[in-house]
N, C-alpha and C. Protein backbone atom coordinates (compact mmCIF):
# COMPACT_ATOMS: atom_id res chain seq x y z
N MET A 1 44.79 34.72 71.47
CA MET A 1 44.50 35.50 72.71
C MET A 1 42.77 35.55 72.46
N LEU A 2 42.32 35.51 73.80
CA LEU A 2 40.79 35.77 73.89
C LEU A 2 40.76 37.14 74.52
N VAL A 3 39.75 37.74 73.97
CA VAL A 3 39.40 39.50 74.58
C VAL A 3 38.24 39.59 75.07
N TYR A 4 38.20 40.00 76.41
CA TYR A 4 37.05 40.04 77.22
C TYR A 4 36.74 41.32 77.62
N GLY A 5 35.60 42.07 77.78
CA GLY A 5 35.30 43.31 78.29
C GLY A 5 35.24 44.42 77.10
N ARG A 6 35.18 43.87 76.13
CA ARG A 6 35.09 44.83 74.95
C ARG A 6 33.52 44.33 74.12
N ASP A 7 32.83 44.08 74.69
CA ASP A 7 31.57 43.32 74.39
C ASP A 7 31.03 44.19 73.29
N ARG A 8 30.73 45.49 73.15
CA ARG A 8 30.49 46.26 72.42
C ARG A 8 31.01 46.20 70.72
N ASP A 9 32.42 46.44 71.31
CA ASP A 9 33.37 46.24 70.02
C ASP A 9 33.17 44.67 69.41
N VAL A 10 33.30 43.65 70.07
CA VAL A 10 33.06 42.57 69.37
C VAL A 10 31.87 42.39 68.65
N ALA A 11 30.93 42.78 69.41
CA ALA A 11 29.40 42.59 68.92
C ALA A 11 29.13 43.22 67.86
N ARG A 12 29.52 44.32 67.62
CA ARG A 12 29.81 45.42 66.36
C ARG A 12 30.50 44.31 65.27
N TRP A 13 31.65 44.05 65.63
CA TRP A 13 32.35 43.27 64.44
C TRP A 13 31.60 42.27 63.97
N VAL A 14 31.16 41.27 64.90
CA VAL A 14 30.42 40.24 64.25
C VAL A 14 29.17 40.44 63.66
N GLY A 15 28.33 41.69 64.13
CA GLY A 15 27.02 42.17 63.59
C GLY A 15 27.47 42.55 62.09
N GLU A 16 28.34 43.31 61.85
CA GLU A 16 28.83 43.71 60.66
C GLU A 16 29.12 42.37 59.48
N ARG A 17 29.48 41.45 59.98
CA ARG A 17 29.79 40.16 59.33
C ARG A 17 28.47 39.47 58.95
N LEU A 18 27.43 39.49 59.94
CA LEU A 18 26.29 38.78 60.03
C LEU A 18 25.05 39.74 59.30
N ASP A 19 25.30 40.82 59.03
CA ASP A 19 24.05 41.72 58.97
C ASP A 19 23.14 41.80 60.13
N VAL A 20 23.70 41.94 61.26
CA VAL A 20 22.85 42.02 62.50
C VAL A 20 23.01 43.53 62.98
N PHE A 21 22.22 44.33 62.86
CA PHE A 21 22.02 45.54 63.44
C PHE A 21 22.27 45.82 64.92
N ASP A 22 21.91 45.04 65.73
CA ASP A 22 21.67 45.01 67.12
C ASP A 22 21.41 43.81 67.68
N PHE A 23 22.21 43.27 68.68
CA PHE A 23 22.05 41.95 69.20
C PHE A 23 21.33 42.31 70.36
N GLY A 24 21.02 43.65 70.82
CA GLY A 24 20.55 43.88 72.13
C GLY A 24 21.30 43.63 73.38
N PRO A 25 20.90 43.35 74.55
CA PRO A 25 21.86 42.95 75.74
C PRO A 25 22.39 41.78 75.23
N CYS A 26 24.04 41.90 75.24
CA CYS A 26 24.56 40.86 75.10
C CYS A 26 26.13 40.86 75.90
N SER A 27 26.68 39.98 75.83
CA SER A 27 28.25 39.79 75.92
C SER A 27 29.04 39.25 74.93
N ALA A 28 30.03 39.12 74.89
CA ALA A 28 31.22 38.82 73.72
C ALA A 28 32.44 38.26 74.18
N ILE A 29 33.03 37.58 73.40
CA ILE A 29 34.39 36.91 73.37
C ILE A 29 34.97 37.09 72.11
N GLY A 30 36.03 37.85 72.10
CA GLY A 30 36.70 38.04 70.69
C GLY A 30 38.08 37.34 70.77
N ILE A 31 38.44 36.80 69.55
CA ILE A 31 39.73 36.02 69.49
C ILE A 31 40.61 36.91 68.56
N VAL A 32 41.62 37.22 69.14
CA VAL A 32 42.74 37.96 68.54
C VAL A 32 44.04 37.24 68.21
N ARG A 33 44.49 37.39 66.92
CA ARG A 33 45.68 36.83 66.58
C ARG A 33 46.50 37.82 65.76
N ASP A 34 47.69 38.06 66.17
CA ASP A 34 48.40 38.99 65.40
C ASP A 34 48.05 40.44 65.69
N GLY A 35 47.45 40.68 66.66
CA GLY A 35 46.97 41.98 66.86
C GLY A 35 45.58 42.46 66.35
N HIS A 36 44.98 41.44 65.71
CA HIS A 36 43.67 41.83 64.80
C HIS A 36 42.52 40.76 65.46
N LEU A 37 41.41 41.55 65.46
CA LEU A 37 40.37 40.44 65.70
C LEU A 37 40.18 39.52 64.54
N VAL A 38 39.97 38.24 65.00
CA VAL A 38 39.71 37.40 63.66
C VAL A 38 38.43 36.61 63.85
N ALA A 39 37.99 36.62 65.13
CA ALA A 39 36.64 35.69 65.40
C ALA A 39 36.02 36.42 66.54
N GLY A 40 34.66 36.48 66.64
CA GLY A 40 33.86 36.91 67.75
C GLY A 40 32.68 35.83 68.01
N ALA A 41 32.52 35.55 69.28
CA ALA A 41 31.17 35.15 69.65
C ALA A 41 30.27 35.95 70.66
N VAL A 42 29.32 36.12 70.17
CA VAL A 42 28.19 37.25 70.86
C VAL A 42 27.09 36.13 71.30
N PHE A 43 26.92 36.73 72.79
CA PHE A 43 26.08 35.85 73.32
C PHE A 43 24.82 36.82 73.84
N HIS A 44 23.51 36.18 73.18
CA HIS A 44 22.71 37.25 73.30
C HIS A 44 21.12 36.24 73.35
N GLN A 45 19.96 36.91 73.68
CA GLN A 45 18.82 36.26 73.81
C GLN A 45 18.77 35.40 74.94
N TYR A 46 19.25 35.76 76.04
CA TYR A 46 19.40 35.13 77.32
C TYR A 46 18.29 34.90 78.10
N ARG A 47 17.62 33.98 78.22
CA ARG A 47 16.45 33.68 78.96
C ARG A 47 16.97 32.37 79.84
N HIS A 48 17.37 32.40 80.91
CA HIS A 48 17.95 31.43 81.76
C HIS A 48 16.69 30.20 81.67
N PRO A 49 17.39 28.99 81.47
CA PRO A 49 18.62 28.74 81.40
C PRO A 49 19.36 28.28 80.07
N SER A 50 18.94 29.30 79.00
CA SER A 50 19.23 29.21 77.73
C SER A 50 19.95 30.32 77.37
N ILE A 51 20.75 30.42 76.38
CA ILE A 51 21.39 31.60 75.52
C ILE A 51 21.65 31.20 74.10
N GLU A 52 21.49 32.33 73.35
CA GLU A 52 21.63 31.93 71.88
C GLU A 52 23.20 32.60 71.68
N MET A 53 23.93 32.10 70.78
CA MET A 53 25.33 32.43 70.29
C MET A 53 25.31 32.83 68.98
N SER A 54 25.83 33.94 68.57
CA SER A 54 26.36 33.90 67.09
C SER A 54 27.64 34.44 66.91
N PHE A 55 28.21 33.77 65.91
CA PHE A 55 29.71 33.68 65.70
C PHE A 55 30.09 34.14 64.20
N ALA A 56 31.12 34.86 64.09
CA ALA A 56 31.54 35.16 62.82
C ALA A 56 33.15 35.13 63.26
N SER A 57 33.99 34.65 61.79
CA SER A 57 35.23 34.88 61.80
C SER A 57 35.87 34.99 60.32
N THR A 58 36.95 35.33 60.32
CA THR A 58 37.42 35.85 59.09
C THR A 58 38.48 34.55 58.54
N THR A 59 38.71 33.63 59.60
CA THR A 59 39.81 32.61 59.17
C THR A 59 39.26 31.19 60.27
N PRO A 60 39.51 30.11 59.54
CA PRO A 60 39.17 28.89 60.20
C PRO A 60 40.29 28.75 61.29
N ARG A 61 41.25 29.30 61.40
CA ARG A 61 42.44 29.18 62.25
C ARG A 61 42.09 29.65 63.64
N TRP A 62 40.95 30.29 63.94
CA TRP A 62 40.56 30.79 65.24
C TRP A 62 40.16 29.62 66.17
N ALA A 63 40.20 28.27 65.62
CA ALA A 63 39.16 27.15 66.45
C ALA A 63 40.38 26.36 67.34
N SER A 64 40.86 26.97 67.98
CA SER A 64 41.87 26.22 68.85
C SER A 64 40.99 25.30 70.03
N ARG A 65 41.49 24.28 70.56
CA ARG A 65 40.59 23.61 71.69
C ARG A 65 40.50 24.54 73.03
N ASP A 66 41.70 25.55 73.09
CA ASP A 66 41.51 26.40 74.34
C ASP A 66 40.37 27.32 74.01
N VAL A 67 40.37 27.94 72.89
CA VAL A 67 39.29 28.93 72.45
C VAL A 67 37.84 28.53 72.73
N ILE A 68 37.49 27.18 72.09
CA ILE A 68 36.32 26.52 71.91
C ILE A 68 35.87 26.05 73.45
N ARG A 69 36.69 25.72 74.12
CA ARG A 69 36.73 25.54 75.63
C ARG A 69 36.19 26.63 76.48
N ALA A 70 36.64 27.95 76.30
CA ALA A 70 36.56 29.10 76.73
C ALA A 70 35.09 29.76 76.53
N ILE A 71 34.69 29.44 75.31
CA ILE A 71 33.50 29.66 74.70
C ILE A 71 32.50 28.86 75.42
N VAL A 72 32.48 27.65 75.38
CA VAL A 72 31.64 26.68 76.01
C VAL A 72 31.56 26.96 77.28
N ARG A 73 32.79 27.02 78.19
CA ARG A 73 32.72 27.27 79.55
C ARG A 73 31.94 28.40 79.87
N TYR A 74 32.04 29.51 79.27
CA TYR A 74 31.42 31.03 79.37
C TYR A 74 29.87 30.59 79.53
N ALA A 75 29.33 29.87 78.52
CA ALA A 75 27.88 29.91 78.49
C ALA A 75 27.48 29.03 79.89
N PHE A 76 28.20 27.77 79.96
CA PHE A 76 27.72 26.91 81.09
C PHE A 76 28.23 27.00 82.48
N LEU A 77 29.28 27.42 82.44
CA LEU A 77 29.82 27.83 83.84
C LEU A 77 29.75 29.02 84.38
N GLN A 78 29.97 30.10 83.50
CA GLN A 78 29.95 31.37 84.11
C GLN A 78 28.48 31.81 84.15
N LEU A 79 27.68 31.75 83.13
CA LEU A 79 26.24 32.10 83.03
C LEU A 79 25.46 31.08 83.52
N ASN A 80 25.86 29.89 84.04
CA ASN A 80 25.22 28.64 84.48
C ASN A 80 23.74 28.18 83.54
N CYS A 81 24.28 28.38 82.12
CA CYS A 81 22.87 27.95 81.01
C CYS A 81 23.11 26.40 81.32
N ARG A 82 22.05 25.89 80.70
CA ARG A 82 21.94 24.34 80.56
C ARG A 82 21.85 24.07 79.08
N ARG A 83 21.69 25.25 78.16
CA ARG A 83 21.56 25.02 76.79
C ARG A 83 22.20 26.53 76.10
N LEU A 84 23.02 26.09 74.83
CA LEU A 84 23.45 26.84 73.95
C LEU A 84 22.96 26.78 72.75
N THR A 85 22.30 27.68 72.02
CA THR A 85 21.74 27.71 70.69
C THR A 85 22.31 28.40 69.82
N CYS A 86 22.74 28.09 68.46
CA CYS A 86 23.21 28.56 67.51
C CYS A 86 22.28 28.50 66.26
N ILE A 87 21.96 29.78 65.41
CA ILE A 87 21.09 29.64 64.30
C ILE A 87 22.06 30.19 62.98
N THR A 88 22.17 29.48 61.97
CA THR A 88 22.77 29.83 60.78
C THR A 88 21.96 29.50 59.67
N PRO A 89 22.30 30.19 58.57
CA PRO A 89 21.85 29.79 57.37
C PRO A 89 22.09 28.39 57.00
N GLU A 90 21.15 27.73 56.40
CA GLU A 90 21.06 26.21 56.09
C GLU A 90 22.23 26.28 55.00
N GLU A 91 22.49 27.07 54.17
CA GLU A 91 23.40 26.89 53.12
C GLU A 91 25.01 26.86 53.82
N ASN A 92 25.04 27.49 54.90
CA ASN A 92 26.41 27.54 55.53
C ASN A 92 27.02 26.16 56.07
N GLU A 93 27.14 25.19 55.26
CA GLU A 93 27.45 23.94 55.63
C GLU A 93 28.78 23.69 56.40
N ARG A 94 29.74 24.88 56.15
CA ARG A 94 30.89 24.86 56.88
C ARG A 94 30.81 25.32 58.41
N ALA A 95 29.65 26.05 58.69
CA ALA A 95 29.67 26.38 60.09
C ALA A 95 28.76 25.36 60.78
N ILE A 96 27.90 24.73 60.04
CA ILE A 96 27.02 23.70 60.59
C ILE A 96 28.04 22.64 60.92
N THR A 97 28.95 22.25 60.00
CA THR A 97 29.91 20.74 60.24
C THR A 97 31.00 21.45 61.44
N ALA A 98 31.26 22.61 61.46
CA ALA A 98 31.98 23.08 62.75
C ALA A 98 31.27 22.88 63.93
N LEU A 99 30.00 23.40 64.03
CA LEU A 99 29.40 23.19 65.13
C LEU A 99 29.20 21.81 65.74
N GLU A 100 28.71 20.93 64.57
CA GLU A 100 28.41 19.52 65.06
C GLU A 100 29.92 19.04 65.67
N ARG A 101 30.99 19.42 64.92
CA ARG A 101 32.45 18.86 65.44
C ARG A 101 32.41 19.14 67.14
N VAL A 102 31.90 20.40 67.44
CA VAL A 102 31.90 20.71 68.82
C VAL A 102 30.92 20.04 69.80
N GLY A 103 29.72 19.37 69.10
CA GLY A 103 28.92 18.72 69.74
C GLY A 103 27.40 19.11 69.57
N PHE A 104 27.45 20.20 68.98
CA PHE A 104 25.94 20.65 68.70
C PHE A 104 25.32 19.59 67.57
N ARG A 105 23.79 19.87 68.14
CA ARG A 105 23.02 18.77 67.09
C ARG A 105 21.91 19.77 66.57
N ARG A 106 21.75 19.41 65.10
CA ARG A 106 20.61 20.07 64.34
C ARG A 106 19.37 19.80 65.00
N GLU A 107 18.50 20.96 65.19
CA GLU A 107 17.33 20.42 65.94
C GLU A 107 16.03 21.10 65.09
N GLY A 108 16.47 21.90 64.24
CA GLY A 108 15.24 22.46 63.39
C GLY A 108 15.57 23.31 62.00
N ARG A 109 14.84 23.18 61.21
CA ARG A 109 14.72 23.86 59.89
C ARG A 109 13.80 24.77 59.73
N HIS A 110 14.11 26.11 59.65
CA HIS A 110 13.37 27.33 59.60
C HIS A 110 13.12 28.12 58.45
N PRO A 111 12.23 27.54 57.42
CA PRO A 111 11.95 28.29 56.09
C PRO A 111 11.79 29.96 56.32
N GLU A 112 12.50 30.68 55.59
CA GLU A 112 12.25 32.21 55.55
C GLU A 112 12.37 32.90 56.88
N ALA A 113 13.16 32.14 57.69
CA ALA A 113 13.58 32.86 58.88
C ALA A 113 14.55 33.76 58.97
N LEU A 114 15.40 33.85 57.82
CA LEU A 114 16.49 34.89 57.78
C LEU A 114 16.16 35.71 56.28
N PRO A 115 16.75 36.67 56.39
CA PRO A 115 16.78 37.77 55.02
C PRO A 115 17.09 36.85 53.86
N THR A 116 18.14 35.74 54.11
CA THR A 116 18.84 35.03 52.88
C THR A 116 17.80 33.86 52.64
N GLY A 117 16.84 33.55 53.52
CA GLY A 117 16.13 32.45 53.29
C GLY A 117 16.02 31.47 54.61
N THR A 118 16.53 30.02 54.53
CA THR A 118 16.01 29.05 55.57
C THR A 118 17.27 29.22 56.70
N ALA A 119 16.88 28.86 57.82
CA ALA A 119 17.87 29.03 58.88
C ALA A 119 17.62 27.56 59.37
N VAL A 120 18.93 27.01 59.97
CA VAL A 120 19.00 25.77 60.75
C VAL A 120 19.43 26.11 62.27
N SER A 121 18.60 25.50 62.96
CA SER A 121 18.99 25.73 64.58
C SER A 121 19.87 24.50 65.12
N LEU A 122 20.94 24.70 65.73
CA LEU A 122 21.54 23.65 66.27
C LEU A 122 21.57 23.97 67.91
N GLY A 123 21.72 22.94 68.79
CA GLY A 123 21.79 23.18 70.04
C GLY A 123 22.97 22.43 70.87
N LEU A 124 23.31 22.82 71.90
CA LEU A 124 24.31 22.13 73.06
C LEU A 124 23.85 22.11 74.14
N LEU A 125 23.63 21.04 74.88
CA LEU A 125 23.14 20.84 76.15
C LEU A 125 24.17 20.76 76.97
N ARG A 126 24.24 21.25 78.09
CA ARG A 126 25.22 21.33 79.41
C ARG A 126 25.66 19.75 79.53
N ASP A 127 24.89 18.80 79.61
CA ASP A 127 25.37 17.37 79.97
C ASP A 127 25.83 16.76 78.84
N GLN A 128 25.85 17.51 77.44
CA GLN A 128 26.68 17.11 76.31
C GLN A 128 27.92 17.61 75.99
N ALA A 129 28.24 18.47 76.79
CA ALA A 129 29.49 19.26 76.62
C ALA A 129 30.58 19.11 77.62
N ASP A 130 30.41 17.75 78.23
CA ASP A 130 31.56 17.53 79.30
C ASP A 130 32.93 17.46 78.77
N ARG A 131 33.16 17.09 77.50
CA ARG A 131 34.77 17.29 76.95
C ARG A 131 35.34 18.57 77.10
N TRP A 132 34.40 19.69 77.00
CA TRP A 132 34.79 20.85 76.77
C TRP A 132 34.70 21.57 78.51
N LEU A 133 34.25 21.00 79.43
CA LEU A 133 34.28 21.65 80.71
C LEU A 133 35.35 21.22 81.48
């Protein structure tokens, strides 16, 4: 089940897992299984036509096609963005692989961009997301 309208709660939950104190102005989508929040997508750094998404989960079982579709549609259809960006630690190969399966492409490597070291940026353009829309 997707949870909308509890942006602050979902953003706080994601932030606790990513060591992010404050996303600033944001919106969020939570994924609930068996009554518990198991994943969350926080949309922040909105500068039309682009937005950044930060994501955290407690299980890989959050990733149904319907949930991925809802997340991608939110950015591209509801917010009318043309670009969705994710930034993750370089060593988080599981996240990078999952994003690439959705259609994101690696775009950059950023040494010392995170407290833990190097970051990788990945982007998904609207015209590359047709299968989700």
